C-alpha atoms as a PDB file:
ATOM      1  CA  MET A   1     -82.601  12.452  32.394  1.00  0.00           C
ATOM      2  CA  GLN A   2     -79.752  11.405  30.108  1.00  0.00           C
ATOM      3  CA  PRO A   3     -80.395   7.626  30.469  1.00  0.00           C
ATOM      4  CA  PHE A   4     -84.089   8.259  29.748  1.00  0.00           C
ATOM      5  CA  ASN A   5     -83.213  10.188  26.583  1.00  0.00           C
ATOM      6  CA  ARG A   6     -81.008   7.323  25.440  1.00  0.00           C
ATOM      7  CA  TYR A   7     -83.851   4.888  26.097  1.00  0.00           C
ATOM      8  CA  LEU A   8     -86.328   7.113  24.274  1.00  0.00           C
ATOM      9  CA  GLY A   9     -83.995   7.478  21.302  1.00  0.00           C
ATOM     10  CA  ALA A  10     -83.481   3.721  21.077  1.00  0.00           C
ATOM     11  CA  TYR A  11     -87.229   3.125  21.304  1.00  0.00           C
ATOM     12  CA  GLN A  12     -87.942   5.666  18.556  1.00  0.00           C
ATOM     13  CA  HIS A  13     -85.301   4.002  16.372  1.00  0.00           C
ATOM     14  CA  PHE A  14     -86.991   0.657  17.012  1.00  0.00           C
ATOM     15  CA  LEU A  15     -90.372   2.068  15.967  1.00  0.00           C
ATOM     16  CA  ILE A  16     -88.904   3.545  12.783  1.00  0.00           C
ATOM     17  CA  ASN A  17     -87.382   0.198  11.816  1.00  0.00           C
ATOM     18  CA  LEU A  18     -90.652  -1.545  12.640  1.00  0.00           C
ATOM     19  CA  ARG A  19     -92.604   0.802  10.367  1.00  0.00           C
ATOM     20  CA  MET A  20     -90.030   0.394   7.596  1.00  0.00           C
ATOM     21  CA  GLY A  21     -90.544  -3.360   7.665  1.00  0.00           C
ATOM     22  CA  GLU A  22     -94.336  -3.319   7.534  1.00  0.00           C
ATOM     23  CA  LYS A  23     -94.544  -2.750   3.771  1.00  0.00           C
ATOM     24  CA  LEU A  24     -92.284  -3.104   0.753  1.00  0.00           C
ATOM     25  CA  HIS A  25     -93.169  -0.928  -2.236  1.00  0.00           C
ATOM     26  CA  THR A  26     -91.985  -2.789  -5.356  1.00  0.00           C
ATOM     27  CA  ALA A  27     -91.834  -1.682  -9.001  1.00  0.00           C
ATOM     28  CA  LEU A  28     -91.961  -4.198 -11.868  1.00  0.00           C
ATOM     29  CA  LEU A  29     -90.612  -3.022 -15.237  1.00  0.00           C
ATOM     30  CA  GLN A  30     -91.919  -5.337 -17.952  1.00  0.00           C
ATOM     31  CA  THR A  31     -90.497  -4.150 -21.253  1.00  0.00           C
ATOM     32  CA  ASP A  32     -89.009  -5.064 -24.617  1.00  0.00           C
ATOM     33  CA  LEU A  33     -85.201  -5.097 -24.835  1.00  0.00           C
ATOM     34  CA  VAL A  34     -82.952  -3.706 -27.549  1.00  0.00           C
ATOM     35  CA  TRP A  35     -80.943  -6.664 -28.802  1.00  0.00           C
ATOM     36  CA  GLU A  36     -77.327  -6.614 -27.603  1.00  0.00           C
ATOM     37  CA  ASN A  37     -77.295  -2.845 -27.025  1.00  0.00           C
ATOM     38  CA  ALA A  38     -76.530  -2.042 -23.398  1.00  0.00           C
ATOM     39  CA  GLU A  39     -76.501   1.731 -23.789  1.00  0.00           C
ATOM     40  CA  ALA A  40     -79.898   1.801 -25.501  1.00  0.00           C
ATOM     41  CA  ASN A  41     -81.409  -0.447 -22.842  1.00  0.00           C
ATOM     42  CA  ARG A  42     -80.044   1.647 -20.002  1.00  0.00           C
ATOM     43  CA  GLU A  43     -81.481   4.761 -21.646  1.00  0.00           C
ATOM     44  CA  GLN A  44     -84.959   3.267 -22.031  1.00  0.00           C
ATOM     45  CA  PHE A  45     -84.990   1.971 -18.458  1.00  0.00           C
ATOM     46  CA  GLN A  46     -83.836   5.379 -17.234  1.00  0.00           C
ATOM     47  CA  LYS A  47     -86.915   6.977 -18.793  1.00  0.00           C
ATOM     48  CA  LYS A  48     -89.297   4.367 -17.401  1.00  0.00           C
ATOM     49  CA  ILE A  49     -87.798   4.545 -13.916  1.00  0.00           C
ATOM     50  CA  GLY A  50     -88.161   8.314 -13.979  1.00  0.00           C
ATOM     51  CA  GLY A  51     -91.925   7.873 -13.973  1.00  0.00           C
ATOM     52  CA  LEU A  52     -92.029   5.784 -10.802  1.00  0.00           C
ATOM     53  CA  SER A  53     -93.360   7.211  -7.567  1.00  0.00           C
ATOM     54  CA  LYS A  54     -91.109   8.437  -4.761  1.00  0.00           C
ATOM     55  CA  GLU A  55     -92.447   5.700  -2.479  1.00  0.00           C
ATOM     56  CA  VAL A  56     -90.800   2.841  -4.386  1.00  0.00           C
ATOM     57  CA  ASP A  57     -88.410   0.732  -2.276  1.00  0.00           C
ATOM     58  CA  LEU A  58     -87.331  -1.858  -4.860  1.00  0.00           C
ATOM     59  CA  ILE A  59     -87.040  -1.642  -8.674  1.00  0.00           C
ATOM     60  CA  ILE A  60     -86.964  -4.969 -10.535  1.00  0.00           C
ATOM     61  CA  LEU A  61     -85.444  -5.369 -14.025  1.00  0.00           C
ATOM     62  CA  PRO A  62     -85.442  -8.471 -16.274  1.00  0.00           C
ATOM     63  CA  GLU A  63     -82.748 -11.074 -16.775  1.00  0.00           C
ATOM     64  CA  MET A  64     -79.870  -9.766 -18.931  1.00  0.00           C
ATOM     65  CA  PHE A  65     -81.655  -6.411 -18.943  1.00  0.00           C
ATOM     66  CA  SER A  66     -78.823  -4.683 -20.817  1.00  0.00           C
ATOM     67  CA  THR A  67     -78.592  -7.075 -23.794  1.00  0.00           C
ATOM     68  CA  GLY A  68     -81.378  -9.610 -23.971  1.00  0.00           C
ATOM     69  CA  PHE A  69     -80.698 -13.333 -23.475  1.00  0.00           C
ATOM     70  CA  SER A  70     -77.591 -13.635 -25.618  1.00  0.00           C
ATOM     71  CA  MET A  71     -74.818 -16.226 -25.832  1.00  0.00           C
ATOM     72  CA  ASN A  72     -72.516 -13.583 -27.345  1.00  0.00           C
ATOM     73  CA  ALA A  73     -70.745 -13.152 -24.027  1.00  0.00           C
ATOM     74  CA  LYS A  74     -67.304 -12.560 -25.549  1.00  0.00           C
ATOM     75  CA  ASN A  75     -68.458  -9.279 -27.096  1.00  0.00           C
ATOM     76  CA  LEU A  76     -71.063  -8.233 -24.530  1.00  0.00           C
ATOM     77  CA  ALA A  77     -69.653  -9.113 -21.113  1.00  0.00           C
ATOM     78  CA  GLU A  78     -68.886  -6.268 -18.728  1.00  0.00           C
ATOM     79  CA  PRO A  79     -66.184  -6.445 -16.074  1.00  0.00           C
ATOM     80  CA  THR A  80     -67.060  -6.311 -12.397  1.00  0.00           C
ATOM     81  CA  GLY A  81     -67.807  -2.639 -11.788  1.00  0.00           C
ATOM     82  CA  GLY A  82     -68.699  -2.104 -15.448  1.00  0.00           C
ATOM     83  CA  PRO A  83     -71.047   0.561 -16.843  1.00  0.00           C
ATOM     84  CA  SER A  84     -74.316  -1.279 -16.192  1.00  0.00           C
ATOM     85  CA  LEU A  85     -73.516  -1.860 -12.529  1.00  0.00           C
ATOM     86  CA  GLU A  86     -72.448   1.770 -12.174  1.00  0.00           C
ATOM     87  CA  TRP A  87     -75.723   2.797 -13.816  1.00  0.00           C
ATOM     88  CA  MET A  88     -77.659   0.659 -11.315  1.00  0.00           C
ATOM     89  CA  LYS A  89     -75.817   2.412  -8.474  1.00  0.00           C
ATOM     90  CA  LYS A  90     -76.725   5.801  -9.936  1.00  0.00           C
ATOM     91  CA  ILE A  91     -80.397   4.861 -10.251  1.00  0.00           C
ATOM     92  CA  ALA A  92     -80.470   3.447  -6.718  1.00  0.00           C
ATOM     93  CA  SER A  93     -79.013   6.671  -5.342  1.00  0.00           C
ATOM     94  CA  GLU A  94     -81.296   8.966  -7.340  1.00  0.00           C
ATOM     95  CA  LYS A  95     -84.472   7.034  -6.496  1.00  0.00           C
ATOM     96  CA  ASP A  96     -83.382   6.132  -2.959  1.00  0.00           C
ATOM     97  CA  ALA A  97     -84.449   2.582  -3.777  1.00  0.00           C
ATOM     98  CA  ALA A  98     -82.795  -0.779  -4.315  1.00  0.00           C
ATOM     99  CA  VAL A  99     -82.409  -2.017  -7.908  1.00  0.00           C
ATOM    100  CA  THR A 100     -82.063  -5.628  -9.040  1.00  0.00           C
ATOM    101  CA  GLY A 101     -81.650  -7.426 -12.376  1.00  0.00           C
ATOM    102  CA  SER A 102     -79.078  -9.578 -14.161  1.00  0.00           C
ATOM    103  CA  LEU A 103     -76.481  -8.899 -16.850  1.00  0.00           C
ATOM    104  CA  ILE A 104     -73.491 -10.546 -18.535  1.00  0.00           C
ATOM    105  CA  VAL A 105     -70.310 -10.282 -16.451  1.00  0.00           C
ATOM    106  CA  SER A 106     -66.746 -11.427 -17.077  1.00  0.00           C
ATOM    107  CA  GLU A 107     -64.646 -12.422 -14.081  1.00  0.00           C
ATOM    108  CA  ASN A 108     -61.573 -14.638 -13.648  1.00  0.00           C
ATOM    109  CA  ASP A 109     -61.721 -15.937 -17.237  1.00  0.00           C
ATOM    110  CA  ASN A 110     -65.369 -16.965 -16.844  1.00  0.00           C
ATOM    111  CA  TYR A 111     -68.651 -15.462 -18.009  1.00  0.00           C
ATOM    112  CA  TYR A 112     -71.606 -15.249 -15.631  1.00  0.00           C
ATOM    113  CA  ASN A 113     -75.292 -14.463 -15.905  1.00  0.00           C
ATOM    114  CA  ARG A 114     -75.014 -12.340 -12.762  1.00  0.00           C
ATOM    115  CA  LEU A 115     -77.798 -10.738 -10.786  1.00  0.00           C
ATOM    116  CA  TYR A 116     -76.943  -7.628  -8.806  1.00  0.00           C
ATOM    117  CA  PHE A 117     -78.959  -6.333  -5.880  1.00  0.00           C
ATOM    118  CA  VAL A 118     -77.880  -2.715  -5.469  1.00  0.00           C
ATOM    119  CA  PHE A 119     -78.752  -0.766  -2.320  1.00  0.00           C
ATOM    120  CA  PRO A 120     -79.471   2.992  -2.256  1.00  0.00           C
ATOM    121  CA  ASP A 121     -76.081   3.692  -0.683  1.00  0.00           C
ATOM    122  CA  GLY A 122     -74.265   2.089  -3.636  1.00  0.00           C
ATOM    123  CA  SER A 123     -73.297  -1.155  -1.917  1.00  0.00           C
ATOM    124  CA  PHE A 124     -74.438  -4.350  -3.600  1.00  0.00           C
ATOM    125  CA  LYS A 125     -74.797  -8.125  -3.407  1.00  0.00           C
ATOM    126  CA  LYS A 126     -74.395 -10.529  -6.327  1.00  0.00           C
ATOM    127  CA  TYR A 127     -75.892 -13.866  -7.342  1.00  0.00           C
ATOM    128  CA  ASP A 128     -74.624 -15.965 -10.245  1.00  0.00           C
ATOM    129  CA  LYS A 129     -77.378 -17.972 -11.935  1.00  0.00           C
ATOM    130  CA  ARG A 130     -77.234 -21.485 -10.550  1.00  0.00           C
ATOM    131  CA  HIS A 131     -79.128 -23.318 -13.293  1.00  0.00           C
ATOM    132  CA  THR A 132     -77.838 -22.395 -16.746  1.00  0.00           C
ATOM    133  CA  PHE A 133     -80.330 -23.166 -19.512  1.00  0.00           C
ATOM    134  CA  THR A 134     -78.958 -26.227 -21.314  1.00  0.00           C
ATOM    135  CA  LEU A 135     -81.676 -26.152 -23.996  1.00  0.00           C
ATOM    136  CA  ALA A 136     -80.169 -22.881 -25.255  1.00  0.00           C
ATOM    137  CA  LYS A 137     -76.620 -24.105 -24.476  1.00  0.00           C
ATOM    138  CA  GLU A 138     -76.223 -21.413 -21.856  1.00  0.00           C
ATOM    139  CA  ASN A 139     -74.133 -23.923 -19.909  1.00  0.00           C
ATOM    140  CA  GLU A 140     -71.539 -23.915 -22.703  1.00  0.00           C
ATOM    141  CA  THR A 141     -71.002 -20.162 -22.367  1.00  0.00           C
ATOM    142  CA  TYR A 142     -71.704 -19.264 -18.761  1.00  0.00           C
ATOM    143  CA  ALA A 143     -70.319 -20.712 -15.542  1.00  0.00           C
ATOM    144  CA  SER A 144     -72.896 -21.734 -12.952  1.00  0.00           C
ATOM    145  CA  GLY A 145     -73.100 -20.111  -9.555  1.00  0.00           C
ATOM    146  CA  THR A 146     -72.851 -22.139  -6.372  1.00  0.00           C
ATOM    147  CA  GLU A 147     -74.125 -19.793  -3.660  1.00  0.00           C
ATOM    148  CA  LYS A 148     -77.713 -18.886  -2.857  1.00  0.00           C
ATOM    149  CA  LEU A 149     -78.252 -15.251  -1.920  1.00  0.00           C
ATOM    150  CA  ILE A 150     -80.515 -13.948   0.835  1.00  0.00           C
ATOM    151  CA  VAL A 151     -80.677 -10.150   0.990  1.00  0.00           C
ATOM    152  CA  GLU A 152     -81.838  -8.268   4.069  1.00  0.00           C
ATOM    153  CA  TYR A 153     -83.383  -4.944   3.113  1.00  0.00           C
ATOM    154  CA  LYS A 154     -85.697  -2.621   5.034  1.00  0.00           C
ATOM    155  CA  GLY A 155     -86.721  -5.368   7.432  1.00  0.00           C
ATOM    156  CA  TRP A 156     -87.402  -7.893   4.645  1.00  0.00           C
ATOM    157  CA  LYS A 157     -85.497 -11.042   3.711  1.00  0.00           C
ATOM    158  CA  ILE A 158     -85.363 -11.429  -0.084  1.00  0.00           C
ATOM    159  CA  CYS A 159     -84.169 -14.351  -2.208  1.00  0.00           C
ATOM    160  CA  PRO A 160     -83.419 -13.219  -5.799  1.00  0.00           C
ATOM    161  CA  LEU A 161     -83.029 -15.907  -8.488  1.00  0.00           C
ATOM    162  CA  VAL A 162     -82.807 -16.006 -12.288  1.00  0.00           C
ATOM    163  CA  CYS A 163     -85.209 -17.470 -14.877  1.00  0.00           C
ATOM    164  CA  TYR A 164     -84.426 -21.214 -15.295  1.00  0.00           C
ATOM    165  CA  ASP A 165     -83.912 -21.469 -11.516  1.00  0.00           C
ATOM    166  CA  LEU A 166     -87.722 -21.405 -11.345  1.00  0.00           C
ATOM    167  CA  ARG A 167     -87.885 -25.042 -12.469  1.00  0.00           C
ATOM    168  CA  PHE A 168     -85.848 -26.300  -9.511  1.00  0.00           C
ATOM    169  CA  PRO A 169     -87.825 -26.092  -6.244  1.00  0.00           C
ATOM    170  CA  VAL A 170     -85.086 -27.592  -4.065  1.00  0.00           C
ATOM    171  CA  TRP A 171     -82.756 -24.651  -4.802  1.00  0.00           C
ATOM    172  CA  SER A 172     -85.434 -22.113  -3.895  1.00  0.00           C
ATOM    173  CA  ARG A 173     -86.805 -24.002  -0.874  1.00  0.00           C
ATOM    174  CA  ASN A 174     -87.437 -21.602   1.972  1.00  0.00           C
ATOM    175  CA  THR A 175     -85.005 -22.911   4.570  1.00  0.00           C
ATOM    176  CA  GLU A 176     -83.997 -19.356   5.539  1.00  0.00           C
ATOM    177  CA  ASP A 177     -87.478 -18.012   6.356  1.00  0.00           C
ATOM    178  CA  TYR A 178     -87.212 -15.400   3.629  1.00  0.00           C
ATOM    179  CA  ASP A 179     -90.204 -13.195   2.875  1.00  0.00           C
ATOM    180  CA  VAL A 180     -89.912 -12.568  -0.864  1.00  0.00           C
ATOM    181  CA  LEU A 181     -88.774 -14.785  -3.733  1.00  0.00           C
ATOM    182  CA  ILE A 182     -87.861 -12.976  -6.966  1.00  0.00           C
ATOM    183  CA  TYR A 183     -87.268 -14.423 -10.427  1.00  0.00           C
ATOM    184  CA  VAL A 184     -85.932 -12.103 -13.144  1.00  0.00           C
ATOM    185  CA  ALA A 185     -86.352 -13.716 -16.539  1.00  0.00           C
ATOM    186  CA  ASN A 186     -86.307 -13.934 -20.312  1.00  0.00           C
ATOM    187  CA  TRP A 187     -88.946 -16.694 -20.354  1.00  0.00           C
ATOM    188  CA  PRO A 188     -90.218 -17.536 -23.873  1.00  0.00           C
ATOM    189  CA  SER A 189     -93.840 -17.581 -24.994  1.00  0.00           C
ATOM    190  CA  VAL A 190     -93.767 -21.242 -25.957  1.00  0.00           C
ATOM    191  CA  ARG A 191     -93.490 -22.256 -22.288  1.00  0.00           C
ATOM    192  CA  VAL A 192     -95.562 -19.507 -20.675  1.00  0.00           C
ATOM    193  CA  ARG A 193     -97.932 -21.983 -18.991  1.00  0.00           C
ATOM    194  CA  ALA A 194     -95.000 -23.383 -17.023  1.00  0.00           C
ATOM    195  CA  TRP A 195     -94.009 -19.840 -16.002  1.00  0.00           C
ATOM    196  CA  ASP A 196     -97.516 -19.017 -14.760  1.00  0.00           C
ATOM    197  CA  THR A 197     -97.888 -22.300 -12.906  1.00  0.00           C
ATOM    198  CA  LEU A 198     -94.470 -22.495 -11.279  1.00  0.00           C
ATOM    199  CA  LEU A 199     -94.506 -18.921  -9.967  1.00  0.00           C
ATOM    200  CA  ARG A 200     -97.744 -19.635  -8.125  1.00  0.00           C
ATOM    201  CA  ALA A 201     -96.382 -22.962  -6.869  1.00  0.00           C
ATOM    202  CA  ARG A 202     -93.194 -21.382  -5.511  1.00  0.00           C
ATOM    203  CA  ALA A 203     -95.291 -18.854  -3.565  1.00  0.00           C
ATOM    204  CA  ILE A 204     -97.544 -21.516  -2.048  1.00  0.00           C
ATOM    205  CA  GLU A 205     -94.890 -24.073  -1.130  1.00  0.00           C
ATOM    206  CA  ASN A 206     -92.555 -21.454   0.398  1.00  0.00           C
ATOM    207  CA  MET A 207     -95.296 -19.404   2.099  1.00  0.00           C
ATOM    208  CA  CYS A 208     -93.807 -16.188   0.711  1.00  0.00           C
ATOM    209  CA  TYR A 209     -94.465 -13.475  -1.802  1.00  0.00           C
ATOM    210  CA  CYS A 210     -93.229 -14.632  -5.210  1.00  0.00           C
ATOM    211  CA  ILE A 211     -92.393 -12.089  -7.908  1.00  0.00           C
ATOM    212  CA  GLY A 212     -91.671 -13.042 -11.515  1.00  0.00           C
ATOM    213  CA  LEU A 213     -90.424 -10.268 -13.819  1.00  0.00           C
ATOM    214  CA  ASN A 214     -90.289 -11.245 -17.491  1.00  0.00           C
ATOM    215  CA  ARG A 215     -89.651  -9.300 -20.684  1.00  0.00           C
ATOM    216  CA  VAL A 216     -91.864  -8.840 -23.767  1.00  0.00           C
ATOM    217  CA  GLY A 217     -91.047  -8.501 -27.462  1.00  0.00           C
ATOM    218  CA  THR A 218     -88.890 -10.615 -29.774  1.00  0.00           C
ATOM    219  CA  ASP A 219     -85.130 -11.067 -29.419  1.00  0.00           C
ATOM    220  CA  GLY A 220     -82.402 -11.255 -32.068  1.00  0.00           C
ATOM    221  CA  ASN A 221     -82.950 -14.997 -32.416  1.00  0.00           C
ATOM    222  CA  ASP A 222     -86.651 -14.456 -33.217  1.00  0.00           C
ATOM    223  CA  HIS A 223     -87.807 -15.860 -29.878  1.00  0.00           C
ATOM    224  CA  PRO A 224     -90.973 -14.096 -28.629  1.00  0.00           C
ATOM    225  CA  TYR A 225     -91.520 -13.327 -24.946  1.00  0.00           C
ATOM    226  CA  PRO A 226     -94.972 -13.021 -23.347  1.00  0.00           C
ATOM    227  CA  GLY A 227     -94.413 -10.886 -20.278  1.00  0.00           C
ATOM    228  CA  HIS A 228     -96.865 -12.353 -17.734  1.00  0.00           C
ATOM    229  CA  SER A 229     -94.911 -10.670 -14.944  1.00  0.00           C
ATOM    230  CA  ALA A 230     -96.718 -11.354 -11.689  1.00  0.00           C
ATOM    231  CA  VAL A 231     -96.748 -11.089  -7.929  1.00  0.00           C
ATOM    232  CA  PHE A 232     -98.346 -13.855  -5.865  1.00  0.00           C
ATOM    233  CA  ASP A 233     -98.964 -13.759  -2.132  1.00  0.00           C
ATOM    234  CA  SER A 234     -98.174 -16.655   0.193  1.00  0.00           C
ATOM    235  CA  LEU A 235    -101.495 -18.339  -0.585  1.00  0.00           C
ATOM    236  CA  GLY A 236    -100.939 -18.129  -4.343  1.00  0.00           C
ATOM    237  CA  ASN A 237    -103.326 -15.239  -4.925  1.00  0.00           C
ATOM    238  CA  PRO A 238    -102.220 -12.820  -7.687  1.00  0.00           C
ATOM    239  CA  LEU A 239    -101.752  -9.169  -6.708  1.00  0.00           C
ATOM    240  CA  ASN A 240    -101.875  -8.030 -10.339  1.00  0.00           C
ATOM    241  CA  ASP A 241    -103.153  -9.371 -13.648  1.00  0.00           C
ATOM    242  CA  PRO A 242    -100.596 -12.116 -14.425  1.00  0.00           C
ATOM    243  CA  SER A 243    -101.530 -12.382 -18.109  1.00  0.00           C
ATOM    244  CA  VAL A 244    -100.464  -8.939 -19.396  1.00  0.00           C
ATOM    245  CA  GLU A 245     -98.357  -9.243 -22.575  1.00  0.00           C
ATOM    246  CA  MET A 246     -97.528  -5.578 -23.194  1.00  0.00           C
ATOM    247  CA  GLU A 247     -95.000  -3.219 -21.649  1.00  0.00           C
ATOM    248  CA  PHE A 248     -95.871  -1.816 -18.232  1.00  0.00           C
ATOM    249  CA  GLN A 249     -94.459  -0.292 -15.083  1.00  0.00           C
ATOM    250  CA  LYS A 250     -96.417  -1.685 -12.161  1.00  0.00           C
ATOM    251  CA  GLU A 251     -96.031  -0.724  -8.516  1.00  0.00           C
ATOM    252  CA  ILE A 252     -97.182  -3.306  -5.979  1.00  0.00           C
ATOM    253  CA  ILE A 253     -97.044  -3.060  -2.190  1.00  0.00           C
ATOM    254  CA  LEU A 254     -96.159  -6.160  -0.182  1.00  0.00           C
ATOM    255  CA  GLU A 255     -97.404  -6.326   3.403  1.00  0.00           C
ATOM    256  CA  LYS A 256     -95.576  -8.127   6.203  1.00  0.00           C
ATOM    257  CA  ALA A 257     -98.845  -8.573   8.115  1.00  0.00           C
ATOM    258  CA  HIS A 258    -100.076 -10.959   5.405  1.00  0.00           C
ATOM    259  CA  LEU A 259     -97.048 -13.212   5.854  1.00  0.00           C
ATOM    260  CA  GLN A 260     -97.255 -13.105   9.642  1.00  0.00           C
ATOM    261  CA  GLU A 261    -100.934 -13.991   9.604  1.00  0.00           C
ATOM    262  CA  THR A 262    -100.744 -16.880   7.150  1.00  0.00           C
ATOM    263  CA  ARG A 263     -97.574 -18.374   8.621  1.00  0.00           C
ATOM    264  CA  SER A 264     -98.904 -18.125  12.167  1.00  0.00           C
ATOM    265  CA  LYS A 265    -102.225 -19.699  11.215  1.00  0.00           C
ATOM    266  CA  LEU A 266    -101.072 -22.435   8.829  1.00  0.00           C
ATOM    267  CA  ARG A 267     -97.483 -23.144   9.996  1.00  0.00           C
ATOM    268  CA  PHE A 268     -96.636 -25.248   6.930  1.00  0.00           C
ATOM    269  CA  LEU A 269     -92.994 -24.171   7.000  1.00  0.00           C
ATOM    270  CA  GLN A 270     -92.595 -25.810  10.395  1.00  0.00           C
ATOM    271  CA  ASP A 271     -93.167 -29.186   8.732  1.00  0.00           C
ATOM    272  CA  ARG A 272     -90.636 -28.711   5.913  1.00  0.00           C
ATOM    273  CA  ASP A 273     -88.051 -31.400   5.239  1.00  0.00           C
ATOM    274  CA  LYS A 274     -84.463 -30.937   6.333  1.00  0.00           C
ATOM    275  CA  PHE A 275     -81.863 -31.472   3.628  1.00  0.00           C
ATOM    276  CA  SER A 276     -78.533 -30.244   2.324  1.00  0.00           C
ATOM    277  CA  ILE A 277     -77.567 -29.367  -1.250  1.00  0.00           C
ATOM    278  CA  ILE A 278     -74.462 -30.904  -2.790  1.00  0.00           C
ATOM    279  CA  LYS A 279     -72.793 -28.102  -4.725  1.00  0.00           C
END
């Protein structure tokens, strides 16, 4: 009887993991940001996150969610393990959900536009923005990352990237068979058509869900941001209205069955080119 019980327990564990991987309940927080005020931004996100449902698996925040897109890294950078990362850990624990977004980090005499993916148990992964935005001279302040990040969470493989990375399809090419591509951003209104178009393109070419989370409002340099946060399925169909320009908290459920069906039927990823990236 004991071997049977072990078998039954293993099978039940398998079924639980299978059910966990069927759907991913995501929350997009499109909001204005208080310019260069980390404490105020954490407080406003805390209130918004408090209104999310208990079913949420993943909470997505914008690029540089604690400060806005600032080049004032000397005064704003947090050390590794700083207050914003600790706040993300607290939120992840309280909501029993993963939290992701980027902020300004200082490490080894360099500044980074660093995305954290924080798990409910407090562990985390990091990704340093690969493509720093030369038009805003981000490259003169922040060091570029060199490593792509693939996160495995609740049976899903997730590739989180940051803003300007969206313009570079080779870096985001789905060579790892990931399920979800995420871009957290401070993408300005003047180039919103590119944002709308490229998010859809990344979803189609990579046969994955593609999520773009952008801010709204105007920053301290008088640059306006349009929002237009969106989720596209692997065929490029929007799962929400991608043209909303006001603050919102939107919960969207991703379904693994959609990916399995489209990839099995169309098989475009099987014909992808093989290449290597020179870092």
